[in-house]
Structures are given as C-alpha cells and as structure tokens.
Protein backbone atom coordinates (compact mmCIF):
# COMPACT_ATOMS: atom_id res chain seq x y z
CA MET A 1 39.58 -164.54 -61.21
CA PRO A 2 40.92 -162.09 -61.28
CA LEU A 3 42.34 -160.72 -58.02
CA MET A 4 40.17 -157.64 -56.51
CA THR A 5 42.05 -153.97 -56.46
CA VAL A 6 42.97 -152.71 -53.49
CA ALA A 7 40.58 -149.80 -54.70
CA ASP A 8 37.52 -152.23 -54.75
CA ALA A 9 38.86 -153.83 -51.38
CA LEU A 10 39.40 -150.51 -49.71
CA ALA A 11 35.16 -149.71 -51.02
CA ALA A 12 34.33 -153.68 -49.94
CA VAL A 13 35.70 -152.81 -46.51
CA LEU A 14 34.02 -149.26 -46.46
CA ALA A 15 31.03 -150.21 -47.28
CA GLY A 16 28.15 -149.57 -45.01
CA VAL A 17 30.01 -148.41 -42.07
CA GLU A 18 28.06 -145.86 -40.32
CA PRO A 19 29.78 -144.04 -37.73
CA LEU A 20 29.68 -145.05 -34.44
CA PRO A 21 26.96 -144.21 -31.56
CA GLU A 22 27.40 -141.11 -28.89
CA GLU A 23 28.47 -141.35 -25.71
CA PRO A 24 29.34 -138.18 -23.66
CA VAL A 25 33.42 -138.05 -22.19
CA ALA A 26 34.83 -135.82 -20.39
CA LEU A 27 36.60 -132.53 -21.91
CA GLU A 28 40.39 -133.87 -19.88
CA SER A 29 38.97 -137.15 -21.84
CA ALA A 30 38.59 -136.19 -25.12
CA HIS A 31 41.22 -135.56 -26.54
CA ARG A 32 41.71 -137.48 -30.42
CA ARG A 33 37.56 -138.48 -30.14
CA VAL A 34 35.84 -137.40 -32.53
CA LEU A 35 32.76 -134.80 -31.97
CA ALA A 36 29.85 -136.57 -32.97
CA ARG A 37 27.34 -133.39 -33.34
CA ASP A 38 27.85 -129.49 -33.80
CA LEU A 39 29.29 -127.76 -31.03
CA PRO A 40 27.89 -124.15 -30.62
CA SER A 41 29.36 -121.66 -28.10
CA ARG A 42 27.75 -121.53 -24.74
CA ARG A 43 29.05 -118.22 -24.46
CA THR A 44 30.76 -114.64 -25.49
CA GLN A 45 33.98 -114.43 -25.27
CA PRO A 46 35.46 -112.00 -24.18
CA PRO A 47 31.64 -111.04 -22.53
CA VAL A 48 32.20 -107.63 -22.27
CA ALA A 49 35.18 -105.24 -23.40
CA MET A 50 38.38 -105.74 -22.01
CA SER A 51 42.53 -104.55 -21.97
CA ALA A 52 44.34 -106.37 -23.91
CA MET A 53 47.36 -104.35 -22.26
CA ASP A 54 48.66 -102.57 -19.18
CA GLY A 55 48.18 -98.76 -19.12
CA TYR A 56 45.24 -96.72 -18.06
CA ALA A 57 41.03 -96.59 -19.61
CA VAL A 58 41.08 -93.34 -20.98
CA ARG A 59 38.53 -90.91 -23.03
CA ALA A 60 40.28 -90.32 -26.66
CA ALA A 61 39.10 -86.84 -26.66
CA ASP A 62 41.17 -86.19 -23.19
CA ILE A 63 44.23 -87.08 -25.28
CA ALA A 64 43.96 -85.54 -28.66
CA THR A 65 46.18 -82.95 -27.59
CA ILE A 66 49.66 -83.61 -26.15
CA PRO A 67 51.16 -84.00 -23.49
CA ALA A 68 47.44 -84.45 -21.06
CA ARG A 69 47.46 -84.68 -17.67
CA LEU A 70 44.67 -86.64 -16.03
CA GLN A 71 43.95 -87.51 -12.58
CA VAL A 72 43.64 -90.96 -11.46
CA ILE A 73 40.29 -92.12 -9.92
CA GLY A 74 40.83 -95.83 -9.42
CA GLU A 75 42.61 -98.91 -10.56
CA ILE A 76 40.54 -102.35 -13.00
CA ALA A 77 42.14 -104.91 -12.66
CA ALA A 78 41.75 -108.52 -14.15
CA GLY A 79 38.36 -110.27 -12.73
CA ARG A 80 37.72 -106.79 -10.32
CA PRO A 81 35.84 -104.30 -12.54
CA LEU A 82 34.91 -101.16 -11.46
CA GLU A 83 31.72 -99.24 -11.46
CA ARG A 84 32.71 -96.03 -12.34
CA ALA A 85 32.32 -93.58 -15.20
CA LEU A 86 34.75 -91.39 -16.28
CA GLN A 87 34.41 -87.88 -16.66
CA THR A 88 36.81 -85.28 -18.20
CA GLY A 89 40.23 -85.29 -17.36
CA GLU A 90 40.14 -88.65 -15.78
CA ALA A 91 41.90 -91.60 -16.13
CA LEU A 92 41.26 -95.27 -14.68
CA ARG A 93 44.64 -97.42 -14.14
CA ILE A 94 43.96 -100.51 -16.14
CA PHE A 95 45.29 -104.24 -15.89
CA THR A 96 45.83 -106.87 -19.03
CA GLY A 97 42.22 -108.32 -18.95
CA GLY A 98 40.61 -106.18 -16.93
CA VAL A 99 36.84 -104.85 -17.61
CA VAL A 100 36.82 -101.20 -19.65
CA PRO A 101 34.25 -99.00 -18.37
CA ASP A 102 31.61 -98.11 -21.06
CA SER A 103 32.93 -94.16 -20.57
CA ALA A 104 36.06 -95.16 -22.22
CA ASP A 105 37.21 -95.52 -24.89
CA THR A 106 41.12 -96.68 -25.31
CA VAL A 107 44.13 -97.73 -23.53
CA VAL A 108 47.16 -96.11 -23.54
CA ILE A 109 49.94 -98.66 -22.55
CA GLN A 110 51.98 -97.96 -19.45
CA GLU A 111 55.12 -97.12 -21.21
CA ASP A 112 53.67 -94.27 -22.82
CA THR A 113 52.73 -92.62 -19.75
CA GLU A 114 54.32 -91.28 -16.61
CA ARG A 115 53.05 -91.16 -13.06
CA ASP A 116 52.99 -88.08 -10.92
CA GLY A 117 51.11 -88.98 -8.08
CA ASN A 118 47.62 -89.32 -9.07
CA HIS A 119 47.46 -87.60 -12.10
CA VAL A 120 49.39 -89.57 -15.01
CA ILE A 121 50.84 -87.94 -18.04
CA VAL A 122 50.25 -89.21 -21.16
CA LYS A 123 52.82 -88.85 -23.78
CA GLU A 124 51.94 -90.84 -26.94
CA ALA A 125 48.21 -90.19 -28.22
CA THR A 126 46.17 -93.77 -28.48
CA ALA A 127 43.12 -93.52 -31.29
CA PRO A 128 39.41 -95.15 -30.15
CA GLY A 129 39.19 -98.65 -29.68
CA LYS A 130 43.30 -98.84 -29.32
CA ASN A 131 44.37 -101.77 -27.26
CA ILE A 132 40.76 -102.96 -26.20
CA ARG A 133 39.40 -106.38 -26.66
CA PRO A 134 36.13 -106.15 -27.72
CA ALA A 135 32.99 -108.28 -26.82
CA GLY A 136 32.87 -110.84 -28.94
CA VAL A 137 35.70 -110.16 -31.03
CA ASP A 138 37.06 -114.33 -30.27
CA PHE A 139 33.16 -115.61 -30.76
CA ARG A 140 29.43 -115.16 -29.48
CA GLU A 141 27.11 -117.23 -27.89
CA GLY A 142 25.92 -119.86 -30.02
CA ASP A 143 28.20 -119.81 -32.68
CA VAL A 144 29.14 -123.04 -33.85
CA LEU A 145 32.77 -123.32 -33.80
CA ILE A 146 34.03 -127.38 -33.77
CA ARG A 147 31.85 -128.94 -36.37
CA ALA A 148 30.77 -132.84 -35.90
CA SER A 149 33.78 -135.02 -37.41
CA SER A 150 36.65 -132.79 -35.82
CA HIS A 151 39.35 -135.08 -34.71
CA LEU A 152 39.83 -133.16 -31.39
CA THR A 153 42.99 -131.78 -30.87
CA ASP A 154 44.86 -130.22 -28.28
CA ARG A 155 43.36 -127.16 -29.33
CA HIS A 156 40.12 -127.77 -29.79
CA LEU A 157 40.01 -129.10 -26.15
CA SER A 158 40.66 -125.32 -24.81
CA LEU A 159 38.48 -123.73 -27.03
CA ALA A 160 35.78 -126.07 -25.87
CA ALA A 161 36.53 -124.92 -22.37
CA GLY A 162 36.16 -121.30 -23.18
CA MET A 163 33.06 -122.23 -24.96
CA ASN A 164 32.28 -123.34 -21.26
CA TYR A 165 31.84 -127.16 -22.51
CA PRO A 166 32.87 -129.27 -19.30
CA ASP A 167 32.11 -132.47 -21.16
CA LEU A 168 31.58 -133.53 -25.03
CA PRO A 169 29.49 -135.24 -26.99
CA VAL A 170 31.91 -138.38 -29.33
CA HIS A 171 31.72 -141.18 -30.80
CA ARG A 172 32.11 -144.25 -29.18
CA ARG A 173 35.79 -146.05 -29.72
CA PRO A 174 35.67 -149.04 -31.88
CA THR A 175 36.34 -152.48 -30.31
CA ILE A 176 39.18 -154.36 -32.01
CA ALA A 177 39.83 -158.40 -31.06
CA MET A 178 42.94 -159.80 -32.14
CA LEU A 179 43.14 -163.00 -32.81
CA ALA A 180 46.72 -165.28 -34.09
CA THR A 181 46.61 -168.32 -35.64
CA GLY A 182 49.18 -170.92 -35.84
CA ASP A 183 50.99 -174.01 -34.01
CA GLU A 184 54.28 -172.10 -35.14
CA LEU A 185 53.89 -169.25 -32.26
CA VAL A 186 55.12 -168.35 -29.13
CA LEU A 187 54.98 -165.33 -27.11
CA PRO A 188 58.29 -163.23 -26.47
CA GLY A 189 60.35 -164.20 -23.93
CA ALA A 190 59.05 -168.07 -24.18
CA THR A 191 61.74 -170.44 -25.91
CA PRO A 192 60.66 -171.30 -29.35
CA GLY A 193 60.58 -174.99 -30.10
CA PRO A 194 62.06 -176.36 -33.11
CA GLY A 195 60.16 -175.12 -35.79
CA GLN A 196 58.81 -172.29 -33.75
CA ILE A 197 58.35 -168.31 -34.07
CA ILE A 198 57.77 -165.38 -31.52
CA LEU A 199 54.82 -163.84 -32.12
CA SER A 200 54.99 -160.44 -33.08
CA ASN A 201 51.86 -159.06 -35.23
CA GLY A 202 49.60 -158.70 -32.17
CA TYR A 203 51.74 -156.54 -31.04
CA ALA A 204 52.28 -153.89 -33.62
CA LEU A 205 48.14 -154.22 -34.79
CA ARG A 206 47.17 -153.49 -31.45
CA ALA A 207 49.65 -150.42 -30.85
CA LEU A 208 48.57 -149.13 -34.41
CA ALA A 209 44.55 -149.83 -33.46
CA ARG A 210 45.18 -147.62 -30.45
CA GLY A 211 47.02 -144.90 -32.01
CA GLU A 212 43.75 -144.27 -34.08
CA GLY A 213 41.77 -144.03 -30.66
CA ALA A 214 40.21 -148.10 -30.95
CA GLU A 215 40.18 -150.36 -27.62
CA ALA A 216 42.02 -153.49 -28.40
CA ILE A 217 41.22 -157.11 -27.55
CA ASP A 218 44.01 -159.81 -27.59
CA LEU A 219 41.50 -162.84 -28.17
CA GLY A 220 45.69 -164.58 -27.93
CA ILE A 221 46.54 -167.67 -30.26
CA ALA A 222 44.44 -170.34 -32.01
CA ALA A 223 45.72 -173.48 -32.62
CA ASP A 224 45.78 -174.57 -36.00
CA THR A 225 42.15 -176.43 -35.54
CA MET A 226 39.15 -176.56 -36.93
CA ASP A 227 37.85 -176.32 -32.84
CA ALA A 228 40.39 -173.51 -31.68
CA THR A 229 39.70 -170.72 -34.49
CA THR A 230 35.48 -171.20 -33.97
CA ALA A 231 36.27 -170.97 -30.79
CA ALA A 232 37.76 -167.62 -30.95
CA ILE A 233 35.64 -166.43 -33.69
CA ARG A 234 32.79 -166.76 -30.99
CA ARG A 235 34.45 -165.36 -28.09
CA ALA A 236 35.64 -162.09 -30.66
CA ARG A 237 31.23 -161.96 -31.14
CA GLU A 238 30.51 -162.31 -27.37
CA SER A 239 33.15 -159.40 -26.98
CA GLY A 240 31.00 -157.15 -28.69
CA ALA A 241 33.91 -156.32 -30.81
CA ASP A 242 33.28 -154.17 -33.80
CA ILE A 243 35.84 -155.52 -35.72
CA LEU A 244 37.79 -159.24 -35.51
CA VAL A 245 40.93 -159.35 -36.86
CA THR A 246 42.53 -162.16 -37.42
CA THR A 247 46.84 -163.10 -38.82
CA GLY A 248 47.26 -165.90 -40.43
CA GLY A 249 45.65 -168.86 -41.54
CA ALA A 250 44.22 -166.89 -44.60
CA SER A 251 46.20 -169.15 -46.99
CA VAL A 252 44.86 -172.10 -48.93
CA GLY A 253 47.23 -174.56 -47.37
CA ASP A 254 46.17 -178.12 -45.45
CA HIS A 255 46.50 -176.08 -42.10
CA ASP A 256 45.03 -172.98 -42.74
CA PHE A 257 41.94 -172.55 -41.54
CA VAL A 258 40.36 -169.38 -40.53
CA LYS A 259 38.40 -169.06 -43.59
CA ARG A 260 36.81 -172.20 -43.15
CA ALA A 261 36.35 -171.33 -40.03
CA LEU A 262 34.89 -167.73 -40.64
CA GLU A 263 32.56 -169.36 -42.67
CA ALA A 264 31.15 -171.94 -40.57
CA GLU A 265 30.49 -169.22 -37.68
CA GLY A 266 27.98 -167.19 -40.72
CA VAL A 267 30.70 -164.57 -41.18
CA GLU A 268 29.36 -163.54 -45.41
CA ILE A 269 33.14 -163.38 -47.15
CA ALA A 270 33.21 -160.24 -49.51
CA PHE A 271 36.65 -161.28 -50.86
CA TRP A 272 39.45 -163.50 -50.14
CA ARG A 273 42.62 -162.85 -52.42
CA ILE A 274 43.49 -159.22 -53.82
CA ALA A 275 45.54 -158.04 -55.45
CA LEU A 276 48.29 -156.35 -53.48
CA ARG A 277 52.06 -156.95 -52.34
CA PRO A 278 52.36 -157.95 -50.28
CA GLY A 279 48.86 -159.06 -48.53
CA LYS A 280 47.52 -161.11 -51.68
CA PRO A 281 45.47 -163.50 -49.14
CA MET A 282 43.06 -161.06 -47.41
CA MET A 283 39.83 -161.47 -46.92
CA HIS A 284 36.83 -159.46 -45.50
CA GLY A 285 33.44 -159.96 -44.41
CA ARG A 286 30.77 -159.39 -41.73
CA LEU A 287 29.29 -161.88 -38.96
CA GLY A 288 25.98 -159.52 -38.01
CA PRO A 289 27.22 -156.09 -37.21
CA MET A 290 30.64 -157.48 -36.44
CA ARG A 291 33.34 -156.42 -39.40
CA VAL A 292 36.21 -158.83 -40.16
CA ILE A 293 39.51 -158.66 -41.56
CA GLY A 294 41.47 -161.93 -41.87
CA LEU A 295 45.09 -160.32 -42.19
CA PRO A 296 48.02 -162.75 -43.54
CA GLY A 297 50.58 -163.96 -41.29
CA ASN A 298 54.22 -162.61 -42.06
CA PRO A 299 55.02 -159.66 -40.45
CA VAL A 300 54.99 -157.22 -43.28
CA SER A 301 52.28 -158.70 -45.42
CA SER A 302 50.09 -158.50 -42.26
CA TYR A 303 51.00 -154.43 -41.11
CA ILE A 304 50.47 -153.23 -44.16
CA CYS A 305 46.99 -155.17 -44.69
CA ALA A 306 46.16 -153.67 -41.14
CA PHE A 307 47.66 -149.90 -42.18
CA LEU A 308 45.87 -149.62 -45.53
CA PHE A 309 42.06 -151.35 -44.63
CA MET A 310 41.98 -152.03 -40.83
CA VAL A 311 43.09 -147.92 -40.14
CA PRO A 312 40.35 -146.30 -42.35
CA LEU A 313 37.91 -148.71 -41.50
CA ILE A 314 38.70 -147.81 -38.04
CA ARG A 315 38.45 -144.01 -38.41
CA ALA A 316 35.14 -144.32 -39.95
CA LEU A 317 34.00 -145.80 -37.58
CA SER A 318 35.46 -143.48 -34.98
CA GLY A 319 33.02 -140.87 -37.33
CA ARG A 320 36.58 -139.17 -38.77
CA GLU A 321 36.11 -137.41 -42.34
CA ASP A 322 39.74 -138.13 -43.20
CA VAL A 323 39.19 -141.49 -43.62
CA HIS A 324 41.53 -142.08 -45.81
CA HIS A 325 45.21 -142.50 -46.14
CA CYS A 326 46.80 -139.15 -47.93
CA ILE A 327 48.89 -140.26 -51.07
CA GLU A 328 51.53 -137.45 -51.63
CA PRO A 329 54.13 -136.93 -54.40
CA ALA A 330 58.04 -137.16 -54.37
CA LEU A 331 61.08 -138.37 -55.89
CA LEU A 332 62.51 -141.87 -56.18
CA GLY A 333 65.94 -142.69 -54.54
CA SER A 334 66.57 -145.18 -56.45
CA ASP A 335 65.67 -147.19 -59.68
CA VAL A 336 62.73 -149.45 -59.86
CA SER A 337 61.72 -152.90 -62.02
CA ALA A 338 58.80 -152.65 -63.95
CA ASN A 339 55.66 -153.96 -61.56
CA GLN A 340 53.62 -156.82 -62.12
CA ALA A 341 50.02 -157.57 -62.07
CA ARG A 342 49.48 -156.53 -58.02
CA GLN A 343 49.98 -153.07 -57.03
CA ASP A 344 53.01 -153.21 -55.03
CA TYR A 345 53.61 -150.61 -51.79
CA LEU A 346 57.80 -150.48 -51.63
CA ARG A 347 59.19 -150.02 -47.78
CA ALA A 348 61.21 -146.81 -48.03
CA ARG A 349 62.95 -144.24 -46.54
CA LEU A 350 62.87 -140.80 -46.53
CA THR A 351 65.26 -137.60 -47.30
CA PRO A 352 64.74 -134.11 -48.26
CA SER A 353 65.27 -132.72 -51.64
CA THR A 354 66.25 -129.10 -52.82
CA ASP A 355 62.76 -128.60 -54.56
CA GLY A 356 60.92 -129.04 -51.33
CA LEU A 357 59.74 -132.50 -52.63
CA PRO A 358 61.48 -135.91 -50.35
CA VAL A 359 63.25 -138.19 -51.78
CA ALA A 360 61.90 -141.99 -51.06
CA THR A 361 64.18 -144.73 -51.54
CA PRO A 362 63.23 -148.16 -51.14
CA ILE A 363 64.65 -150.18 -48.48
CA GLY A 364 66.96 -152.97 -50.34
CA HIS A 365 64.93 -156.72 -49.91
CA GLN A 366 60.69 -156.31 -49.77
CA ASP A 367 60.20 -159.54 -48.33
CA SER A 368 57.44 -160.02 -46.67
CA SER A 369 58.59 -161.53 -43.59
CA LEU A 370 61.75 -158.56 -43.18
CA MET A 371 60.67 -156.77 -39.59
CA GLY A 372 63.84 -155.46 -39.69
CA LYS A 373 63.23 -153.28 -43.19
CA LEU A 374 59.42 -152.53 -42.11
CA ALA A 375 60.51 -150.98 -38.51
CA ALA A 376 63.23 -148.66 -40.60
CA ALA A 377 60.73 -147.72 -43.15
CA GLU A 378 59.36 -144.15 -43.46
CA ALA A 379 56.92 -144.89 -45.94
CA LEU A 380 55.25 -146.72 -49.00
CA VAL A 381 55.61 -145.90 -52.01
CA ILE A 382 53.06 -147.14 -54.41
CA ARG A 383 53.74 -148.87 -57.77
CA THR A 384 50.50 -149.39 -59.83
CA PRO A 385 49.89 -152.63 -61.90
CA PHE A 386 51.90 -153.03 -64.97
CA ALA A 387 53.41 -149.74 -63.88
CA PRO A 388 56.69 -149.80 -66.10
CA ALA A 389 60.03 -149.18 -65.20
CA ALA A 390 61.36 -145.83 -63.05
CA SER A 391 64.53 -143.87 -62.79
CA LYS A 392 66.20 -142.11 -59.79
CA GLY A 393 65.09 -139.18 -59.49
CA GLU A 394 61.21 -140.18 -61.32
CA PRO A 395 58.55 -138.79 -59.47
CA CYS A 396 56.24 -141.31 -57.71
CA ALA A 397 53.50 -141.64 -55.38
CA ILE A 398 54.01 -142.14 -51.59
CA ILE A 399 51.95 -142.54 -48.20
CA LYS A 400 53.83 -141.72 -45.46
CA LEU A 401 53.62 -144.69 -42.15
CA SER A 402 53.54 -141.85 -39.29
CA LEU A 403 50.03 -141.45 -38.40
CA SER A 404 48.59 -138.27 -37.48
C-alpha cells in the first residue's frame, strides 16, 4: 500500500476539527488567546472633541488677522472640562487631552503664542479643526474592531481596554497529554544504564505546545509492555485531554506497542506511516473526542512531525485562522541531491542575500537522531517527492522554525 502524502495526512489530522468552547478570561490574561466572537466597542473614542496639543482653544474667526490679542478666560486640563462658552475676542488655555468647548473650533499651539498677563497674543493663524481630535475619530460605539479568531496581541489588549472590556470571550486552550514510551529512557539528571538514553523529546514538544497556547500534561514514561502502554492511554482519556501525543513505539518491532495499545483501547487509526522524511512511522486517530498523534521516537523525527501536524491541530482547536505554516521562498545555499519518494524536510540555517530572499543552507548530516543539528536549524527546506537535484542559488521553499 502506498504511503499517505503529507498533504493528505495533514488534511486527515484537521478533518472535522472545531474550535473549543468559549470561556471568559480577564483582559490581563488574554494575551495570545484566540477571540471567540466579534468584539464591538462599548464606547466612542474620544467621547467628545479633545485637544491634541498644549495651547489655546479659540475661534478661528478671532485669529484671522495676525497678530491677534485675546483675553484668557480660563484653563482646561485633561479630565477637567470647563463649561464656559467663548465670546468674541476670548481664549481658553488648554492642555493635551482637554475637552474642547463647542464654542471653540481650533487650537493654537503654545509655540505660536506669547502670554501677556490675562491675554495671549497669537502670532500664527490656525485653520478651523486644527489640533483637535473630533469625537469618534478613533472609533464609535458599536464598531467591531477585533474580529473572531483574532490571535490577541498586546496591541489588541490595549484596544480592548479602550473599548471598555475588562474581560474577553476566548476559546478554551487545548489540553495535550504527552506520553513517552521505551524501556531505554531515563530522565535528565539520572545516570543511564547500559543501552539507556536520556529522555529529551517531551521537553521540546511540551514547550512547542505551550508556545502555541496549549496546556501540556506530562504522562511520564511507559515501559515497553502492553499493560503499561494501555494504562497510560487510559490516564490520558481520564484527564480530559483534547490531544494525546505519544513518542516512540510507533514502528513495527516486537517491542513497539503503541499502535496495538491504541487499537485495543478503541482508537480509530486514520493513518499509520506517511511519505515523510524524517517521520515515516507516524500515526493519527481518535478516541471519542480525543485526537491522537503517535510520533516517532527519534528526536528530530518527533519534533518535525509535531511541528508539521501537532501545531496546526492546536491552532485549529484554539480557533485560529492561521492554522497552516507559512511557506516562503528562499534560495539554496548549497547543492542538494535528487529526492526519493518521500517529502523531505531538510534542517537549514538562514542568511540574508542581496536580493532580499533568505539563503537556506542545509545543515550537513540530516540523520533523524541528531539533536545538535536540529537546535542549530532556523528553517526547513521542503523537498517534494522525486524532486530533481538542485544547485546552490536555485529557488526553494522553506518553513521557518520560529513560531508566531
């Protein structure tokens, strides 16, 4: 049976995914959450005409002839409006943010005036409306300023505060339960025995998930037995996780129990093995509402599969519109050989070029166990199945590894 393509596998992972339910969160905690519905303003900003400068509120007709000498009848500071109408030949001292009275139609900046006791001498004429922020110039009550599915930035929070929202309706964060499998694994800080290695995958994957806004649960390490693996899968289900991510045990060896355990627990496997390098032995399925991603055990394969499949799934469950990674143009920094039947993702460094496109240079040996090479990479160069050999300087497609 031919291997499933990367595009078909991603479509299967995202099939039927709906954003998680809405929940209110305090504005202070809404950064990088995803808005669940459109947000109309609760107020007009500014609510009334306000001065944009320090100076004098006057009638433009009174300063048509320069210099003009006007009597100063009062002062307006921000937050302290003055209910006093201007008469012919009068001015009001006003500061930035002060409410401009209806009887004034322009503000002369302080630098264009000279004070003489209770009078001000205006030395430069100012047109009607100058240096005044009209009511509603920013937005008006009822204006929808932040749309559903917006991934909330710091600037969104400032705007929402100005719209008078103390809390925001956002989609619930996805919860991801992560399970490592393998008798050979020990935790960092331990002294590995013969044939054992330090567990590293989970730390990268949980950080990756949290960076995308998910909550991550560590289910620990399951021994290479059917009982231990099925017990861990049950713990994930009981935790209410939206996604179960397993690492290791997804291949065809006698000690690879993940696929068998998942099926024994009722997981409907959508695919097992895809035309991807690194990451061929990857699985996906569902157990009721919980989606399952079975990742390979090799660190590079595990990370790249999670980057390509887990991240879009988290984004879709979170309600984001930008679910898919951005594929960008680049130039090859070295020759690459012809590709085989699987879509290849080469770890690469990026450098600038004179024509504006980045130069992507694959990093030496691309073995799926080399964590140092992965840590040094800044992008993945995409090589489609059976792509011909390409030379340094030729166009290529990349996905940057830094996430938004």
